[in-house]
Amino acid sequence: MRTESEQEMEWIKLDLHIHTLDDMKDALDYSAHELLEKAKALGFGVLAITLHDSVFQRAEVFADAERMGILLLSAAEMRIDGADIVLLNVRPEEAEPLRSFDDVRRLRAGRGDSIFTFAPHPFYLMSGSIGGKRLVQNIDCFDAIEICHFHKGWFDRNRPARRVAAKFTKPLLATSDAHRLSAFGSHYTSIPRPPEWTPENVFSLLRAGRGRLTSPACSWQDLWSILHFTFIEHPLRKRQRSPLERVQSHRQKRCREAQP
């Protein structure tokens, strides 16, 4: 049971693993600004747009987030030696040359507590999931382990993630890993409001295990929707859109956002 002081504490919602149409390695249909609008409406205080293998850099989106009272972290989901890792508060020139976990170790040693890394969906059988053996071998490269939104009843590949986190005293993070705007908002982590709104203060609370997870089990409708999107709709959309079309669509959407 939480103490009275904990009950009175203001909790801030975080989602630190989200994708948008800015991702040139994906085929999504909602913009960063649409994400911000929904996040504001749902009371989120900290977000990270985690493009595949590149750092989200659009200055106007960071400015919009600040005006909305949202801390938007510079971030990326990088494929490192065949496995995914999410890096928060990372700069483009730091992320681009990463090729191995030794590179990640050197980056973390140089940046100290100002950077935060976690293992996304580590035990789910999909491209880029690191798996148990490699996660344990490289556990020093991670500050936290993600709890994936895709679980229901006996099907919950987050169980081994919880065991590894407990063994190595790593905090857990609930995220949406949203590839559809409708998927954002239900799975997230909350932290007590820090005294100053900085990435380092957010990371300090997470490393101290102060995060509170919200990750409800999927409904049958959710399961069908996720499976249909993952194995039918999303692959078909990616095949239908050439790289040039993605860039053109991206530019058109940004122009529409810029219009008063």
Protein backbone atom coordinates (compact mmCIF):
# COMPACT_ATOMS: atom_id res chain seq x y z
CA MET A 1 0.00 0.00 0.00
CA ARG A 2 1.30 3.45 -0.92
CA THR A 3 1.96 6.00 1.82
CA GLU A 4 -0.06 9.20 2.12
CA SER A 5 2.86 11.26 0.74
CA GLU A 6 3.09 8.93 -2.29
CA GLN A 7 -0.66 9.24 -2.89
CA GLU A 8 -0.37 13.04 -2.86
CA MET A 9 2.62 13.05 -5.21
CA GLU A 10 2.07 14.27 -8.77
CA TRP A 11 2.87 11.52 -11.26
CA ILE A 12 3.99 12.26 -14.80
CA LYS A 13 3.34 9.93 -17.75
CA LEU A 14 6.26 8.90 -19.96
CA ASP A 15 6.34 7.02 -23.26
CA LEU A 16 9.93 6.53 -24.36
CA HIS A 17 9.46 4.34 -27.45
CA ILE A 18 7.26 5.78 -30.23
CA HIS A 19 7.51 5.91 -34.03
CA THR A 20 6.05 8.49 -36.47
CA LEU A 21 5.93 9.01 -40.24
CA ASP A 22 9.33 10.72 -39.99
CA ASP A 23 10.78 7.21 -39.90
CA MET A 24 12.15 6.55 -43.38
CA LYS A 25 12.56 2.84 -42.60
CA ASP A 26 8.89 2.49 -41.82
CA ALA A 27 5.51 3.24 -43.43
CA LEU A 28 3.41 5.07 -40.86
CA ASP A 29 0.60 7.55 -41.37
CA TYR A 30 0.61 9.95 -38.40
CA SER A 31 2.84 12.94 -37.78
CA ALA A 32 4.91 14.01 -34.81
CA HIS A 33 2.55 16.93 -34.27
CA GLU A 34 -0.48 14.62 -34.19
CA LEU A 35 1.36 12.59 -31.57
CA LEU A 36 2.03 15.71 -29.50
CA GLU A 37 -1.62 16.75 -29.65
CA LYS A 38 -2.77 13.36 -28.39
CA ALA A 39 -0.05 13.26 -25.74
CA LYS A 40 -1.09 16.69 -24.46
CA ALA A 41 -4.74 15.62 -24.31
CA LEU A 42 -3.82 12.48 -22.34
CA GLY A 43 -1.54 14.29 -19.90
CA PHE A 44 1.87 12.97 -20.96
CA GLY A 45 4.89 14.90 -19.75
CA VAL A 46 7.84 13.12 -21.40
CA LEU A 47 8.09 11.52 -24.86
CA ALA A 48 10.76 10.03 -27.10
CA ILE A 49 10.30 9.63 -30.86
CA THR A 50 12.56 6.67 -31.63
CA LEU A 51 13.17 6.46 -35.36
CA HIS A 52 14.84 3.33 -36.68
CA ASP A 53 18.60 3.89 -37.05
CA SER A 54 18.41 7.69 -36.95
CA VAL A 55 17.88 10.43 -34.38
CA PHE A 56 14.73 12.55 -34.61
CA GLN A 57 15.94 16.12 -35.16
CA ARG A 58 13.04 18.38 -36.23
CA ALA A 59 13.60 21.56 -34.22
CA GLU A 60 10.05 22.84 -34.76
CA VAL A 61 8.61 19.71 -33.15
CA PHE A 62 10.85 20.11 -30.09
CA ALA A 63 9.71 23.74 -29.88
CA ASP A 64 6.04 22.73 -30.13
CA ALA A 65 6.55 20.12 -27.41
CA GLU A 66 8.13 22.72 -25.11
CA ARG A 67 5.20 25.09 -25.67
CA MET A 68 2.85 22.25 -24.71
CA GLY A 69 4.77 21.55 -21.53
CA ILE A 70 6.14 18.23 -22.84
CA LEU A 71 9.78 17.22 -22.53
CA LEU A 72 10.66 15.65 -25.90
CA LEU A 73 13.89 13.66 -25.71
CA SER A 74 16.32 13.26 -28.58
CA ALA A 75 16.26 9.52 -29.26
CA ALA A 76 16.71 6.63 -31.67
CA GLU A 77 16.08 2.89 -31.92
CA MET A 78 19.35 1.58 -33.32
CA ARG A 79 20.12 -1.86 -34.72
CA ILE A 80 23.44 -2.79 -33.07
CA ASP A 81 25.10 -5.99 -34.27
CA GLY A 82 21.68 -7.38 -35.20
CA ALA A 83 19.89 -6.34 -32.00
CA ASP A 84 17.80 -3.28 -31.17
CA ILE A 85 18.64 -0.78 -28.47
CA VAL A 86 16.84 2.47 -27.65
CA LEU A 87 19.08 5.41 -26.78
CA LEU A 88 17.66 8.51 -25.08
CA ASN A 89 19.19 11.97 -25.08
CA VAL A 90 21.58 10.88 -27.82
CA ARG A 91 23.00 13.12 -30.55
CA PRO A 92 23.00 12.20 -34.26
CA GLU A 93 26.78 12.22 -34.50
CA GLU A 94 26.91 9.78 -31.56
CA ALA A 95 24.29 7.36 -32.84
CA GLU A 96 25.32 7.13 -36.49
CA PRO A 97 28.69 5.32 -35.98
CA LEU A 98 27.34 2.74 -33.51
CA ARG A 99 27.98 -0.76 -34.85
CA SER A 100 28.64 -2.94 -31.81
CA PHE A 101 27.90 -3.15 -28.12
CA ASP A 102 31.50 -2.13 -27.46
CA ASP A 103 30.66 1.12 -29.28
CA VAL A 104 27.69 1.52 -26.94
CA ARG A 105 29.94 0.92 -23.93
CA ARG A 106 32.32 3.64 -25.07
CA LEU A 107 29.45 6.07 -25.64
CA ARG A 108 27.97 5.36 -22.22
CA ALA A 109 31.37 5.75 -20.56
CA GLY A 110 31.81 9.15 -22.20
CA ARG A 111 28.31 10.45 -21.52
CA GLY A 112 27.76 9.06 -18.03
CA ASP A 113 24.30 9.62 -16.52
CA SER A 114 23.26 12.07 -19.26
CA ILE A 115 22.34 9.21 -21.60
CA PHE A 116 19.84 6.38 -21.00
CA THR A 117 19.56 3.10 -22.88
CA PHE A 118 17.08 0.23 -22.71
CA ALA A 119 16.37 -3.10 -24.39
CA PRO A 120 13.11 -3.01 -26.37
CA HIS A 121 10.85 -6.12 -26.52
CA PRO A 122 13.88 -8.33 -25.71
CA PHE A 123 12.12 -11.73 -25.59
CA TYR A 124 9.64 -11.29 -28.43
CA LEU A 125 10.37 -13.35 -31.53
CA MET A 126 10.81 -10.57 -34.02
CA SER A 127 13.62 -9.01 -36.00
CA GLY A 128 15.89 -7.06 -33.73
CA SER A 129 14.85 -8.56 -30.39
CA ILE A 130 18.03 -9.24 -28.47
CA GLY A 131 16.95 -12.45 -26.72
CA GLY A 132 18.00 -13.77 -23.34
CA LYS A 133 21.59 -14.91 -23.87
CA ARG A 134 22.77 -11.74 -25.62
CA LEU A 135 20.85 -9.54 -23.20
CA VAL A 136 22.66 -11.10 -20.27
CA GLN A 137 26.02 -10.94 -22.06
CA ASN A 138 25.54 -7.20 -22.70
CA ILE A 139 23.48 -6.25 -19.66
CA ASP A 140 26.01 -3.52 -18.79
CA CYS A 141 24.91 -1.68 -21.96
CA PHE A 142 21.37 -1.18 -20.65
CA ASP A 143 19.89 1.03 -17.96
CA ALA A 144 16.48 -0.65 -18.18
CA ILE A 145 14.42 -3.37 -19.86
CA GLU A 146 11.19 -2.74 -21.72
CA ILE A 147 7.85 -4.31 -20.93
CA CYS A 148 6.19 -4.85 -24.30
CA HIS A 149 2.53 -3.93 -24.74
CA PHE A 150 1.73 -7.21 -26.57
CA HIS A 151 0.63 -9.64 -23.85
CA LYS A 152 -2.48 -11.45 -22.69
CA GLY A 153 -2.90 -14.16 -20.06
CA TRP A 154 -0.53 -17.09 -20.59
CA PHE A 155 1.04 -15.35 -23.58
CA ASP A 156 3.41 -12.91 -21.95
CA ARG A 157 7.00 -12.82 -23.18
CA ASN A 158 7.63 -10.10 -20.61
CA ARG A 159 7.99 -12.73 -17.88
CA PRO A 160 11.63 -13.56 -18.74
CA ALA A 161 12.32 -9.82 -19.09
CA ARG A 162 11.11 -9.35 -15.52
CA ARG A 163 13.34 -12.18 -14.31
CA VAL A 164 16.44 -10.71 -15.97
CA ALA A 165 15.61 -7.25 -14.64
CA ALA A 166 15.26 -8.62 -11.11
CA LYS A 167 18.50 -10.62 -11.35
CA PHE A 168 20.54 -7.62 -12.50
CA THR A 169 18.54 -4.98 -10.56
CA LYS A 170 17.50 -3.14 -13.71
CA PRO A 171 14.27 -1.10 -13.77
CA LEU A 172 11.43 -2.01 -16.11
CA LEU A 173 9.83 0.43 -18.56
CA ALA A 174 6.36 0.17 -20.05
CA THR A 175 6.09 1.78 -23.50
CA SER A 176 3.69 1.73 -26.43
CA ASP A 177 6.25 1.16 -29.22
CA ALA A 178 3.47 2.85 -31.19
CA HIS A 179 3.35 2.37 -34.95
CA ARG A 180 -0.29 3.51 -35.04
CA LEU A 181 -1.63 6.58 -33.28
CA SER A 182 -4.41 4.47 -31.74
CA ALA A 183 -1.73 2.34 -30.04
CA PHE A 184 -0.39 5.32 -28.10
CA GLY A 185 -1.67 6.24 -24.66
CA SER A 186 -2.50 2.97 -22.86
CA HIS A 187 0.96 1.56 -22.11
CA TYR A 188 3.37 3.88 -20.32
CA THR A 189 5.55 4.52 -17.29
CA SER A 190 4.88 7.18 -14.65
CA ILE A 191 7.39 8.93 -12.41
CA PRO A 192 7.04 11.53 -9.65
CA ARG A 193 7.37 15.04 -11.05
CA PRO A 194 11.07 15.97 -10.78
CA PRO A 195 12.09 19.34 -9.27
CA GLU A 196 13.57 20.38 -12.61
CA TRP A 197 12.33 19.24 -16.02
CA THR A 198 15.58 17.79 -17.41
CA PRO A 199 16.52 14.48 -19.07
CA GLU A 200 19.04 13.77 -16.30
CA ASN A 201 16.39 14.13 -13.57
CA VAL A 202 14.03 11.84 -15.47
CA PHE A 203 16.79 9.25 -15.91
CA SER A 204 17.76 9.47 -12.23
CA LEU A 205 14.21 8.63 -11.14
CA LEU A 206 14.01 5.73 -13.57
CA ARG A 207 17.38 4.29 -12.52
CA ALA A 208 16.28 4.54 -8.88
CA GLY A 209 13.29 2.34 -9.66
CA ARG A 210 10.75 5.13 -9.12
CA GLY A 211 8.84 4.27 -12.30
CA ARG A 212 5.27 2.98 -12.05
CA LEU A 213 4.16 0.77 -14.96
CA THR A 214 0.81 0.86 -16.74
CA SER A 215 0.55 -1.99 -19.23
CA PRO A 216 -2.90 -3.60 -19.33
CA ALA A 217 -3.36 -6.93 -21.06
CA CYS A 218 -4.56 -6.78 -24.65
CA SER A 219 -8.21 -7.43 -25.41
CA TRP A 220 -9.07 -9.98 -28.11
CA GLN A 221 -9.85 -7.05 -30.39
CA ASP A 222 -6.45 -5.53 -29.59
CA LEU A 223 -4.71 -8.83 -30.37
CA TRP A 224 -6.42 -9.16 -33.73
CA SER A 225 -5.73 -5.53 -34.58
CA ILE A 226 -2.03 -5.82 -33.67
CA LEU A 227 -1.58 -9.09 -35.57
CA HIS A 228 -3.39 -7.74 -38.64
CA PHE A 229 -1.29 -4.58 -38.63
CA THR A 230 2.00 -6.41 -37.97
CA PHE A 231 1.67 -9.22 -40.50
CA ILE A 232 -0.69 -7.85 -43.17
CA GLU A 233 -1.34 -4.11 -43.21
CA HIS A 234 2.13 -2.85 -42.31
CA PRO A 235 4.15 -5.15 -44.64
CA LEU A 236 1.74 -4.38 -47.49
CA ARG A 237 2.05 -0.65 -46.88
CA LYS A 238 5.85 -0.90 -46.88
CA ARG A 239 5.89 -2.84 -50.15
CA GLN A 240 3.54 -0.39 -51.83
CA ARG A 241 5.55 2.70 -50.94
CA SER A 242 8.92 3.23 -52.57
CA PRO A 243 11.60 5.20 -50.69
CA LEU A 244 10.94 8.20 -52.95
CA GLU A 245 7.21 8.06 -52.22
CA ARG A 246 7.91 7.96 -48.52
CA VAL A 247 10.07 11.07 -48.73
CA GLN A 248 7.44 12.86 -50.80
CA SER A 249 4.66 11.87 -48.41
CA HIS A 250 6.81 12.97 -45.50
CA ARG A 251 7.42 16.38 -47.06
CA GLN A 252 3.75 16.85 -47.92
CA LYS A 253 2.70 16.05 -44.37
CA ARG A 254 5.25 18.46 -42.94
CA CYS A 255 4.01 21.20 -45.28
CA ARG A 256 0.44 20.64 -44.10
CA GLU A 257 1.60 20.87 -40.48
CA ALA A 258 3.38 24.16 -41.19
CA GLN A 259 0.26 25.79 -42.61
CA PRO A 260 -1.51 28.15 -40.21
